[in-house]
Amino acid sequence: MVNLQGIVGLPIDDPVEDAIETLKGIQRIGPGSICSVYPLMVYPGTELSKLCEKNNLSLNPYSSGDTNTGIPSINFPPQEVKRLKNICKLSTFFVKYNIDERWIRALIDIDYDDRTSRALSMGKYYECIVDRLGAKGEEIFYEVQKGMNLRY
């Protein structure tokens, strides 16, 4: 088993379709594997931030720089931000359980409340730790989560 990672939310014409294609590619490369998909982060003073400024790409004021939130740095329309966020939160589930594209498209359009969003983030974290460390990972997860302040 491998741990696959991807970045979505690139400044292209259709970042959501690109993200779905990325997920499908990860499913083909590592079926049943653990994966984490993160939003593109643009940090101040980097070459990428200079490139965004040069090309008049607006940055999302709600992006905190924390990839766990799923909120991309590029200021896409709200519906695209929601879909990208949901793709990031559900990516582990989509890949590990080989979820069909029709279900992916349906699930990324749901408005998750804060409680559910947090549960999705914790579920993703749980899957990653337990798949890497087995039974010991479950023990570690429950211990770590007690003091964890995961942004979601």
C-alpha atoms as a PDB file:
ATOM      1  CA  MET A   1       0.000   0.000   0.000  1.00  0.00           C
ATOM      2  CA  VAL A   2       1.173   3.499  -0.778  1.00  0.00           C
ATOM      3  CA  ASN A   3       0.295   6.940   0.547  1.00  0.00           C
ATOM      4  CA  LEU A   4      -0.586   9.132  -2.406  1.00  0.00           C
ATOM      5  CA  GLN A   5      -0.869  12.908  -2.206  1.00  0.00           C
ATOM      6  CA  GLY A   6      -2.211  15.507  -4.573  1.00  0.00           C
ATOM      7  CA  ILE A   7      -2.787  19.232  -4.826  1.00  0.00           C
ATOM      8  CA  VAL A   8      -5.973  20.720  -6.261  1.00  0.00           C
ATOM      9  CA  GLY A   9      -7.267  24.240  -6.763  1.00  0.00           C
ATOM     10  CA  LEU A  10      -4.808  25.259  -9.422  1.00  0.00           C
ATOM     11  CA  PRO A  11      -5.452  28.565 -11.197  1.00  0.00           C
ATOM     12  CA  ILE A  12      -6.910  27.035 -14.365  1.00  0.00           C
ATOM     13  CA  ASP A  13     -10.199  27.379 -16.243  1.00  0.00           C
ATOM     14  CA  ASP A  14     -11.968  24.519 -14.441  1.00  0.00           C
ATOM     15  CA  PRO A  15     -10.235  23.616 -11.172  1.00  0.00           C
ATOM     16  CA  VAL A  16     -13.068  21.323 -10.045  1.00  0.00           C
ATOM     17  CA  GLU A  17     -12.925  19.135 -13.170  1.00  0.00           C
ATOM     18  CA  ASP A  18      -9.150  19.055 -12.828  1.00  0.00           C
ATOM     19  CA  ALA A  19      -9.516  17.954  -9.181  1.00  0.00           C
ATOM     20  CA  ILE A  20     -11.957  15.189 -10.130  1.00  0.00           C
ATOM     21  CA  GLU A  21      -9.564  13.980 -12.824  1.00  0.00           C
ATOM     22  CA  THR A  22      -6.767  14.048 -10.230  1.00  0.00           C
ATOM     23  CA  LEU A  23      -8.860  11.860  -7.904  1.00  0.00           C
ATOM     24  CA  LYS A  24      -9.649   9.422 -10.695  1.00  0.00           C
ATOM     25  CA  GLY A  25      -5.947   9.247 -11.546  1.00  0.00           C
ATOM     26  CA  ILE A  26      -5.061   8.524  -7.921  1.00  0.00           C
ATOM     27  CA  GLN A  27      -7.730   5.802  -7.883  1.00  0.00           C
ATOM     28  CA  ARG A  28      -6.077   4.180 -10.930  1.00  0.00           C
ATOM     29  CA  ILE A  29      -2.539   4.491  -9.550  1.00  0.00           C
ATOM     30  CA  GLY A  30      -3.236   3.195  -6.056  1.00  0.00           C
ATOM     31  CA  PRO A  31      -6.630   1.529  -5.715  1.00  0.00           C
ATOM     32  CA  GLY A  32      -7.496   1.011  -2.057  1.00  0.00           C
ATOM     33  CA  SER A  33      -4.587   3.175  -0.966  1.00  0.00           C
ATOM     34  CA  ILE A  34      -4.568   6.012   1.462  1.00  0.00           C
ATOM     35  CA  CYS A  35      -4.363   9.405  -0.126  1.00  0.00           C
ATOM     36  CA  SER A  36      -4.502  12.986   0.960  1.00  0.00           C
ATOM     37  CA  VAL A  37      -5.512  15.761  -1.362  1.00  0.00           C
ATOM     38  CA  TYR A  38      -4.740  19.306  -0.319  1.00  0.00           C
ATOM     39  CA  PRO A  39      -5.679  22.711  -1.709  1.00  0.00           C
ATOM     40  CA  LEU A  40      -3.030  24.785  -3.409  1.00  0.00           C
ATOM     41  CA  MET A  41      -1.580  27.211  -0.879  1.00  0.00           C
ATOM     42  CA  VAL A  42       0.012  30.478  -1.920  1.00  0.00           C
ATOM     43  CA  TYR A  43       2.239  31.861   0.808  1.00  0.00           C
ATOM     44  CA  PRO A  44       3.345  35.529   0.944  1.00  0.00           C
ATOM     45  CA  GLY A  45       6.746  36.327  -0.479  1.00  0.00           C
ATOM     46  CA  THR A  46       7.054  33.115  -2.512  1.00  0.00           C
ATOM     47  CA  GLU A  47       7.595  32.904  -6.234  1.00  0.00           C
ATOM     48  CA  LEU A  48       4.052  31.591  -6.560  1.00  0.00           C
ATOM     49  CA  SER A  49       2.621  34.642  -4.780  1.00  0.00           C
ATOM     50  CA  LYS A  50       4.622  36.891  -7.108  1.00  0.00           C
ATOM     51  CA  LEU A  51       3.304  34.951 -10.105  1.00  0.00           C
ATOM     52  CA  CYS A  52      -0.284  35.338  -8.856  1.00  0.00           C
ATOM     53  CA  GLU A  53       0.224  39.061  -8.355  1.00  0.00           C
ATOM     54  CA  LYS A  54       1.812  39.454 -11.793  1.00  0.00           C
ATOM     55  CA  ASN A  55      -1.142  37.645 -13.407  1.00  0.00           C
ATOM     56  CA  ASN A  56      -3.794  39.479 -11.333  1.00  0.00           C
ATOM     57  CA  LEU A  57      -4.959  36.285  -9.626  1.00  0.00           C
ATOM     58  CA  SER A  58      -6.993  37.231  -6.589  1.00  0.00           C
ATOM     59  CA  LEU A  59      -6.287  35.317  -3.387  1.00  0.00           C
ATOM     60  CA  ASN A  60      -9.054  33.937  -1.203  1.00  0.00           C
ATOM     61  CA  PRO A  61      -9.373  36.016   1.993  1.00  0.00           C
ATOM     62  CA  TYR A  62     -10.771  32.943   3.824  1.00  0.00           C
ATOM     63  CA  SER A  63      -7.721  30.798   3.115  1.00  0.00           C
ATOM     64  CA  SER A  64      -5.669  30.653   6.299  1.00  0.00           C
ATOM     65  CA  GLY A  65      -2.724  28.776   4.815  1.00  0.00           C
ATOM     66  CA  ASP A  66      -3.772  25.629   6.682  1.00  0.00           C
ATOM     67  CA  THR A  67      -4.255  22.796   4.195  1.00  0.00           C
ATOM     68  CA  ASN A  68      -6.545  20.892   6.591  1.00  0.00           C
ATOM     69  CA  THR A  69      -9.315  23.427   6.019  1.00  0.00           C
ATOM     70  CA  GLY A  70      -9.492  22.434   2.346  1.00  0.00           C
ATOM     71  CA  ILE A  71      -9.916  26.088   1.359  1.00  0.00           C
ATOM     72  CA  PRO A  72      -7.699  26.956  -1.627  1.00  0.00           C
ATOM     73  CA  SER A  73      -5.629  30.127  -1.774  1.00  0.00           C
ATOM     74  CA  ILE A  74      -6.948  31.154  -5.193  1.00  0.00           C
ATOM     75  CA  ASN A  75     -10.167  33.170  -4.943  1.00  0.00           C
ATOM     76  CA  PHE A  76     -12.532  31.012  -6.988  1.00  0.00           C
ATOM     77  CA  PRO A  77     -16.312  31.528  -7.013  1.00  0.00           C
ATOM     78  CA  PRO A  78     -17.960  30.225  -3.792  1.00  0.00           C
ATOM     79  CA  GLN A  79     -19.436  27.094  -5.429  1.00  0.00           C
ATOM     80  CA  GLU A  80     -15.998  26.054  -6.718  1.00  0.00           C
ATOM     81  CA  VAL A  81     -14.386  26.708  -3.331  1.00  0.00           C
ATOM     82  CA  LYS A  82     -17.014  24.500  -1.665  1.00  0.00           C
ATOM     83  CA  ARG A  83     -16.454  21.694  -4.169  1.00  0.00           C
ATOM     84  CA  LEU A  84     -12.663  21.886  -3.848  1.00  0.00           C
ATOM     85  CA  LYS A  85     -12.915  21.915  -0.054  1.00  0.00           C
ATOM     86  CA  ASN A  86     -15.165  18.859  -0.128  1.00  0.00           C
ATOM     87  CA  ILE A  87     -12.843  17.059  -2.533  1.00  0.00           C
ATOM     88  CA  CYS A  88      -9.972  17.636  -0.103  1.00  0.00           C
ATOM     89  CA  LYS A  89     -11.995  16.439   2.881  1.00  0.00           C
ATOM     90  CA  LEU A  90     -13.407  13.365   1.131  1.00  0.00           C
ATOM     91  CA  SER A  91     -10.379  12.363  -0.967  1.00  0.00           C
ATOM     92  CA  THR A  92      -9.208   9.612   1.384  1.00  0.00           C
ATOM     93  CA  PHE A  93     -12.700   8.085   1.349  1.00  0.00           C
ATOM     94  CA  PHE A  94     -13.042   8.445  -2.438  1.00  0.00           C
ATOM     95  CA  VAL A  95      -9.750   6.678  -3.148  1.00  0.00           C
ATOM     96  CA  LYS A  96      -9.585   4.067  -0.388  1.00  0.00           C
ATOM     97  CA  TYR A  97     -13.099   2.830  -1.181  1.00  0.00           C
ATOM     98  CA  ASN A  98     -12.900   3.475  -4.954  1.00  0.00           C
ATOM     99  CA  ILE A  99     -15.992   5.695  -5.005  1.00  0.00           C
ATOM    100  CA  ASP A 100     -17.564   6.054  -8.437  1.00  0.00           C
ATOM    101  CA  GLU A 101     -17.382   9.446 -10.154  1.00  0.00           C
ATOM    102  CA  ARG A 102     -21.172   9.887  -9.990  1.00  0.00           C
ATOM    103  CA  TRP A 103     -21.031   9.678  -6.191  1.00  0.00           C
ATOM    104  CA  ILE A 104     -18.010  11.972  -6.079  1.00  0.00           C
ATOM    105  CA  ARG A 105     -19.921  14.614  -8.038  1.00  0.00           C
ATOM    106  CA  ALA A 106     -22.968  14.275  -5.767  1.00  0.00           C
ATOM    107  CA  LEU A 107     -21.024  14.377  -2.492  1.00  0.00           C
ATOM    108  CA  ILE A 108     -18.906  17.429  -3.336  1.00  0.00           C
ATOM    109  CA  ASP A 109     -22.046  19.549  -3.742  1.00  0.00           C
ATOM    110  CA  ILE A 110     -23.315  18.972  -0.196  1.00  0.00           C
ATOM    111  CA  ASP A 111     -23.133  21.815   2.319  1.00  0.00           C
ATOM    112  CA  TYR A 112     -21.499  20.266   5.389  1.00  0.00           C
ATOM    113  CA  ASP A 113     -22.012  22.020   8.725  1.00  0.00           C
ATOM    114  CA  ASP A 114     -19.041  22.608  11.055  1.00  0.00           C
ATOM    115  CA  ARG A 115     -19.667  19.429  13.046  1.00  0.00           C
ATOM    116  CA  THR A 116     -19.693  17.282   9.909  1.00  0.00           C
ATOM    117  CA  SER A 117     -16.718  19.101   8.405  1.00  0.00           C
ATOM    118  CA  ARG A 118     -14.729  18.412  11.572  1.00  0.00           C
ATOM    119  CA  ALA A 119     -15.816  14.753  11.547  1.00  0.00           C
ATOM    120  CA  LEU A 120     -14.659  14.428   7.929  1.00  0.00           C
ATOM    121  CA  SER A 121     -11.255  15.921   8.787  1.00  0.00           C
ATOM    122  CA  MET A 122     -10.875  13.622  11.768  1.00  0.00           C
ATOM    123  CA  GLY A 123     -11.980  10.612   9.709  1.00  0.00           C
ATOM    124  CA  LYS A 124      -9.342  11.410   7.096  1.00  0.00           C
ATOM    125  CA  TYR A 125      -6.691  11.738   9.804  1.00  0.00           C
ATOM    126  CA  TYR A 126      -7.818   8.477  11.433  1.00  0.00           C
ATOM    127  CA  GLU A 127      -7.649   6.526   8.149  1.00  0.00           C
ATOM    128  CA  CYS A 128      -4.151   7.804   7.399  1.00  0.00           C
ATOM    129  CA  ILE A 129      -2.743   6.916  10.821  1.00  0.00           C
ATOM    130  CA  VAL A 130      -4.418   3.523  11.167  1.00  0.00           C
ATOM    131  CA  ASP A 131      -3.489   2.445   7.637  1.00  0.00           C
ATOM    132  CA  ARG A 132       0.148   3.300   8.296  1.00  0.00           C
ATOM    133  CA  LEU A 133       0.430   1.955  11.840  1.00  0.00           C
ATOM    134  CA  GLY A 134      -2.330  -0.653  12.235  1.00  0.00           C
ATOM    135  CA  ALA A 135      -3.731  -1.290  15.706  1.00  0.00           C
ATOM    136  CA  LYS A 136      -1.028   0.875  17.265  1.00  0.00           C
ATOM    137  CA  GLY A 137      -2.214   3.703  14.977  1.00  0.00           C
ATOM    138  CA  GLU A 138      -5.711   3.550  16.418  1.00  0.00           C
ATOM    139  CA  GLU A 139      -4.317   3.899  19.928  1.00  0.00           C
ATOM    140  CA  ILE A 140      -2.123   6.809  18.834  1.00  0.00           C
ATOM    141  CA  PHE A 141      -5.034   8.496  17.032  1.00  0.00           C
ATOM    142  CA  TYR A 142      -7.261   8.499  20.120  1.00  0.00           C
ATOM    143  CA  GLU A 143      -4.440   9.826  22.282  1.00  0.00           C
ATOM    144  CA  VAL A 144      -3.435  12.566  19.823  1.00  0.00           C
ATOM    145  CA  GLN A 145      -6.976  13.736  19.125  1.00  0.00           C
ATOM    146  CA  LYS A 146      -7.514  14.590  22.808  1.00  0.00           C
ATOM    147  CA  GLY A 147      -5.175  17.556  22.545  1.00  0.00           C
ATOM    148  CA  MET A 148      -5.613  18.250  18.850  1.00  0.00           C
ATOM    149  CA  ASN A 149      -6.948  21.559  17.596  1.00  0.00           C
ATOM    150  CA  LEU A 150      -7.508  20.586  13.991  1.00  0.00           C
ATOM    151  CA  ARG A 151      -8.765  23.358  11.752  1.00  0.00           C
ATOM    152  CA  TYR A 152     -11.538  22.162   9.560  1.00  0.00           C
END
